[in-house]
């Protein structure tokens, strides 16, 4: 099982790696960064570890 990287979108490390291989870059990381920049990131609250 792949470790969850983004609890907002539920992306795992494997999701990001596959996306990067498919697109030559990670469009998922771009989406995460854009969400964070817009103040819409809620990973800290959604993460069961509280981080």
PDB file of N, CA and C in Angstrom:
ATOM      1  N   UNK A   1       0.846  -1.182   0.000  1.00  0.00           N
ATOM      2  CA  UNK A   1       0.000   0.000   0.000  1.00  0.00           C
ATOM      3  C   UNK A   1       0.887   1.239   0.000  1.00  0.00           C
ATOM      4  N   UNK A   2       0.570   2.200  -0.842  1.00  0.00           N
ATOM      5  CA  UNK A   2       1.357   3.411  -0.981  1.00  0.00           C
ATOM      6  C   UNK A   2       0.944   4.436   0.068  1.00  0.00           C
ATOM      7  N   UNK A   3       1.915   5.159   0.576  1.00  0.00           N
ATOM      8  CA  UNK A   3       1.666   6.156   1.617  1.00  0.00           C
ATOM      9  C   UNK A   3       0.898   7.352   1.060  1.00  0.00           C
ATOM     10  N   UNK A   4      -0.106   7.812   1.798  1.00  0.00           N
ATOM     11  CA  UNK A   4      -0.855   8.999   1.392  1.00  0.00           C
ATOM     12  C   UNK A   4       0.029  10.218   1.568  1.00  0.00           C
ATOM     13  N   UNK A   5       0.086  11.043   0.523  1.00  0.00           N
ATOM     14  CA  UNK A   5       0.900  12.253   0.525  1.00  0.00           C
ATOM     15  C   UNK A   5       0.020  13.479   0.745  1.00  0.00           C
ATOM     16  N   UNK A   6      -1.163  13.484   0.143  1.00  0.00           N
ATOM     17  CA  UNK A   6      -2.084  14.623   0.249  1.00  0.00           C
ATOM     18  C   UNK A   6      -3.435  14.117   0.734  1.00  0.00           C
ATOM     19  N   UNK A   7      -3.784  14.533   1.923  1.00  0.00           N
ATOM     20  CA  UNK A   7      -5.049  14.091   2.500  1.00  0.00           C
ATOM     21  C   UNK A   7      -6.230  14.903   1.971  1.00  0.00           C
ATOM     22  N   UNK A   8      -5.979  16.075   1.394  1.00  0.00           N
ATOM     23  CA  UNK A   8      -7.063  16.866   0.789  1.00  0.00           C
ATOM     24  C   UNK A   8      -7.667  16.129  -0.409  1.00  0.00           C
ATOM     25  N   UNK A   9      -6.781  15.616  -1.262  1.00  0.00           N
ATOM     26  CA  UNK A   9      -7.207  14.956  -2.492  1.00  0.00           C
ATOM     27  C   UNK A   9      -7.096  13.443  -2.415  1.00  0.00           C
ATOM     28  N   UNK A  10      -6.446  12.939  -1.379  1.00  0.00           N
ATOM     29  CA  UNK A  10      -6.280  11.500  -1.230  1.00  0.00           C
ATOM     30  C   UNK A  10      -5.195  10.915  -2.118  1.00  0.00           C
ATOM     31  N   UNK A  11      -4.255  11.743  -2.581  1.00  0.00           N
ATOM     32  CA  UNK A  11      -3.190  11.263  -3.450  1.00  0.00           C
ATOM     33  C   UNK A  11      -2.144  10.501  -2.647  1.00  0.00           C
ATOM     34  N   UNK A  12      -1.673   9.417  -3.249  1.00  0.00           N
ATOM     35  CA  UNK A  12      -0.619   8.626  -2.633  1.00  0.00           C
ATOM     36  C   UNK A  12       0.691   8.898  -3.367  1.00  0.00           C
ATOM     37  N   UNK A  13       1.769   8.434  -2.780  1.00  0.00           N
ATOM     38  CA  UNK A  13       3.078   8.556  -3.416  1.00  0.00           C
ATOM     39  C   UNK A  13       3.042   7.876  -4.783  1.00  0.00           C
ATOM     40  N   UNK A  14       2.402   6.734  -4.863  1.00  0.00           N
ATOM     41  CA  UNK A  14       2.311   6.008  -6.136  1.00  0.00           C
ATOM     42  C   UNK A  14       1.514   6.806  -7.169  1.00  0.00           C
ATOM     43  N   UNK A  15       0.428   7.463  -6.755  1.00  0.00           N
ATOM     44  CA  UNK A  15      -0.353   8.302  -7.680  1.00  0.00           C
ATOM     45  C   UNK A  15       0.535   9.378  -8.309  1.00  0.00           C
ATOM     46  N   UNK A  16       1.337  10.030  -7.480  1.00  0.00           N
ATOM     47  CA  UNK A  16       2.191  11.123  -7.949  1.00  0.00           C
ATOM     48  C   UNK A  16       3.282  10.593  -8.867  1.00  0.00           C
ATOM     49  N   UNK A  17       3.874   9.459  -8.518  1.00  0.00           N
ATOM     50  CA  UNK A  17       4.902   8.862  -9.371  1.00  0.00           C
ATOM     51  C   UNK A  17       4.335   8.465 -10.732  1.00  0.00           C
ATOM     52  N   UNK A  18       3.174   7.843 -10.742  1.00  0.00           N
ATOM     53  CA  UNK A  18       2.539   7.436 -12.008  1.00  0.00           C
ATOM     54  C   UNK A  18       2.165   8.649 -12.852  1.00  0.00           C
ATOM     55  N   UNK A  19       1.667   9.696 -12.214  1.00  0.00           N
ATOM     56  CA  UNK A  19       1.305  10.928 -12.907  1.00  0.00           C
ATOM     57  C   UNK A  19       2.543  11.558 -13.547  1.00  0.00           C
ATOM     58  N   UNK A  20       3.651  11.587 -12.807  1.00  0.00           N
ATOM     59  CA  UNK A  20       4.893  12.157 -13.337  1.00  0.00           C
ATOM     60  C   UNK A  20       5.400  11.353 -14.527  1.00  0.00           C
ATOM     61  N   UNK A  21       5.312  10.042 -14.449  1.00  0.00           N
ATOM     62  CA  UNK A  21       5.739   9.198 -15.573  1.00  0.00           C
ATOM     63  C   UNK A  21       4.848   9.420 -16.794  1.00  0.00           C
ATOM     64  N   UNK A  22       3.570   9.579 -16.575  1.00  0.00           N
ATOM     65  CA  UNK A  22       2.620   9.741 -17.678  1.00  0.00           C
ATOM     66  C   UNK A  22       2.723  11.106 -18.350  1.00  0.00           C
ATOM     67  N   UNK A  23       3.058  12.148 -17.571  1.00  0.00           N
ATOM     68  CA  UNK A  23       3.034  13.516 -18.093  1.00  0.00           C
ATOM     69  C   UNK A  23       4.403  14.182 -18.190  1.00  0.00           C
ATOM     70  N   UNK A  24       5.429  13.509 -17.719  1.00  0.00           N
ATOM     71  CA  UNK A  24       6.755  14.117 -17.729  1.00  0.00           C
ATOM     72  C   UNK A  24       6.971  15.066 -16.566  1.00  0.00           C
ATOM     73  N   UNK A  25       5.949  15.293 -15.799  1.00  0.00           N
ATOM     74  CA  UNK A  25       5.981  16.104 -14.584  1.00  0.00           C
ATOM     75  C   UNK A  25       4.754  15.712 -13.777  1.00  0.00           C
ATOM     76  N   UNK A  26       4.710  16.102 -12.534  1.00  0.00           N
ATOM     77  CA  UNK A  26       3.545  15.740 -11.729  1.00  0.00           C
ATOM     78  C   UNK A  26       2.492  16.835 -11.762  1.00  0.00           C
ATOM     79  N   UNK A  27       1.430  16.585 -12.500  1.00  0.00           N
ATOM     80  CA  UNK A  27       0.323  17.536 -12.511  1.00  0.00           C
ATOM     81  C   UNK A  27      -0.421  17.495 -11.175  1.00  0.00           C
ATOM     82  N   UNK A  28      -0.331  16.374 -10.474  1.00  0.00           N
ATOM     83  CA  UNK A  28      -0.981  16.269  -9.167  1.00  0.00           C
ATOM     84  C   UNK A  28      -0.281  17.170  -8.152  1.00  0.00           C
ATOM     85  N   UNK A  29       1.048  17.217  -8.177  1.00  0.00           N
ATOM     86  CA  UNK A  29       1.762  18.118  -7.279  1.00  0.00           C
ATOM     87  C   UNK A  29       1.445  19.569  -7.608  1.00  0.00           C
ATOM     88  N   UNK A  30       1.264  19.869  -8.883  1.00  0.00           N
ATOM     89  CA  UNK A  30       0.879  21.223  -9.287  1.00  0.00           C
ATOM     90  C   UNK A  30      -0.500  21.567  -8.710  1.00  0.00           C
ATOM     91  N   UNK A  31      -1.413  20.618  -8.739  1.00  0.00           N
ATOM     92  CA  UNK A  31      -2.751  20.833  -8.186  1.00  0.00           C
ATOM     93  C   UNK A  31      -2.680  21.053  -6.673  1.00  0.00           C
ATOM     94  N   UNK A  32      -1.871  20.258  -5.995  1.00  0.00           N
ATOM     95  CA  UNK A  32      -1.696  20.411  -4.549  1.00  0.00           C
ATOM     96  C   UNK A  32      -1.121  21.789  -4.235  1.00  0.00           C
ATOM     97  N   UNK A  33      -0.080  22.200  -4.966  1.00  0.00           N
ATOM     98  CA  UNK A  33       0.560  23.500  -4.742  1.00  0.00           C
ATOM     99  C   UNK A  33      -0.418  24.645  -4.987  1.00  0.00           C
ATOM    100  N   UNK A  34      -1.219  24.547  -6.041  1.00  0.00           N
ATOM    101  CA  UNK A  34      -2.202  25.590  -6.348  1.00  0.00           C
ATOM    102  C   UNK A  34      -3.254  25.677  -5.248  1.00  0.00           C
ATOM    103  N   UNK A  35      -3.696  24.547  -4.750  1.00  0.00           N
ATOM    104  CA  UNK A  35      -4.676  24.521  -3.665  1.00  0.00           C
ATOM    105  C   UNK A  35      -4.097  25.162  -2.412  1.00  0.00           C
ATOM    106  N   UNK A  36      -2.854  24.835  -2.113  1.00  0.00           N
ATOM    107  CA  UNK A  36      -2.187  25.408  -0.940  1.00  0.00           C
ATOM    108  C   UNK A  36      -2.034  26.921  -1.093  1.00  0.00           C
ATOM    109  N   UNK A  37      -1.615  27.380  -2.269  1.00  0.00           N
ATOM    110  CA  UNK A  37      -1.427  28.811  -2.535  1.00  0.00           C
ATOM    111  C   UNK A  37      -2.738  29.580  -2.432  1.00  0.00           C
ATOM    112  N   UNK A  38      -3.838  28.921  -2.782  1.00  0.00           N
ATOM    113  CA  UNK A  38      -5.155  29.569  -2.725  1.00  0.00           C
ATOM    114  C   UNK A  38      -5.757  29.531  -1.321  1.00  0.00           C
ATOM    115  N   UNK A  39      -5.032  28.910  -0.391  1.00  0.00           N
ATOM    116  CA  UNK A  39      -5.534  28.828   0.980  1.00  0.00           C
ATOM    117  C   UNK A  39      -6.579  27.752   1.176  1.00  0.00           C
ATOM    118  N   UNK A  40      -6.691  26.842   0.216  1.00  0.00           N
ATOM    119  CA  UNK A  40      -7.710  25.803   0.287  1.00  0.00           C
ATOM    120  C   UNK A  40      -7.174  24.483   0.828  1.00  0.00           C
ATOM    121  N   UNK A  41      -5.922  24.463   1.233  1.00  0.00           N
ATOM    122  CA  UNK A  41      -5.313  23.235   1.743  1.00  0.00           C
ATOM    123  C   UNK A  41      -5.874  22.921   3.132  1.00  0.00           C
ATOM    124  N   UNK A  42      -6.299  21.671   3.318  1.00  0.00           N
ATOM    125  CA  UNK A  42      -6.806  21.256   4.626  1.00  0.00           C
ATOM    126  C   UNK A  42      -6.140  19.960   5.088  1.00  0.00           C
ATOM    127  N   UNK A  43      -4.960  19.695   4.522  1.00  0.00           N
ATOM    128  CA  UNK A  43      -4.245  18.457   4.857  1.00  0.00           C
ATOM    129  C   UNK A  43      -3.945  18.352   6.351  1.00  0.00           C
ATOM    130  N   UNK A  44      -3.584  19.450   6.982  1.00  0.00           N
ATOM    131  CA  UNK A  44      -3.247  19.405   8.403  1.00  0.00           C
ATOM    132  C   UNK A  44      -4.438  18.912   9.231  1.00  0.00           C
ATOM    133  N   UNK A  45      -5.633  19.277   8.841  1.00  0.00           N
ATOM    134  CA  UNK A  45      -6.844  18.833   9.562  1.00  0.00           C
ATOM    135  C   UNK A  45      -7.282  17.448   9.119  1.00  0.00           C
ATOM    136  N   UNK A  46      -7.065  17.125   7.847  1.00  0.00           N
ATOM    137  CA  UNK A  46      -7.516  15.839   7.318  1.00  0.00           C
ATOM    138  C   UNK A  46      -6.540  14.704   7.625  1.00  0.00           C
ATOM    139  N   UNK A  47      -5.301  15.045   7.900  1.00  0.00           N
ATOM    140  CA  UNK A  47      -4.294  14.027   8.188  1.00  0.00           C
ATOM    141  C   UNK A  47      -4.572  13.404   9.549  1.00  0.00           C
ATOM    142  N   UNK A  48      -4.734  12.084   9.591  1.00  0.00           N
ATOM    143  CA  UNK A  48      -5.032  11.429  10.863  1.00  0.00           C
ATOM    144  C   UNK A  48      -3.890  11.556  11.881  1.00  0.00           C
ATOM    145  N   UNK A  49      -2.684  11.862  11.413  1.00  0.00           N
ATOM    146  CA  UNK A  49      -1.554  12.060  12.322  1.00  0.00           C
ATOM    147  C   UNK A  49      -1.493  13.494  12.845  1.00  0.00           C
ATOM    148  N   UNK A  50      -2.348  14.353  12.297  1.00  0.00           N
ATOM    149  CA  UNK A  50      -2.411  15.729  12.747  1.00  0.00           C
ATOM    150  C   UNK A  50      -1.279  16.617  12.246  1.00  0.00           C
ATOM    151  N   UNK A  51      -0.641  16.213  11.109  1.00  0.00           N
ATOM    152  CA  UNK A  51       0.445  17.021  10.551  1.00  0.00           C
ATOM    153  C   UNK A  51       0.136  17.412   9.157  1.00  0.00           C
TER     154      UNK A  51
END
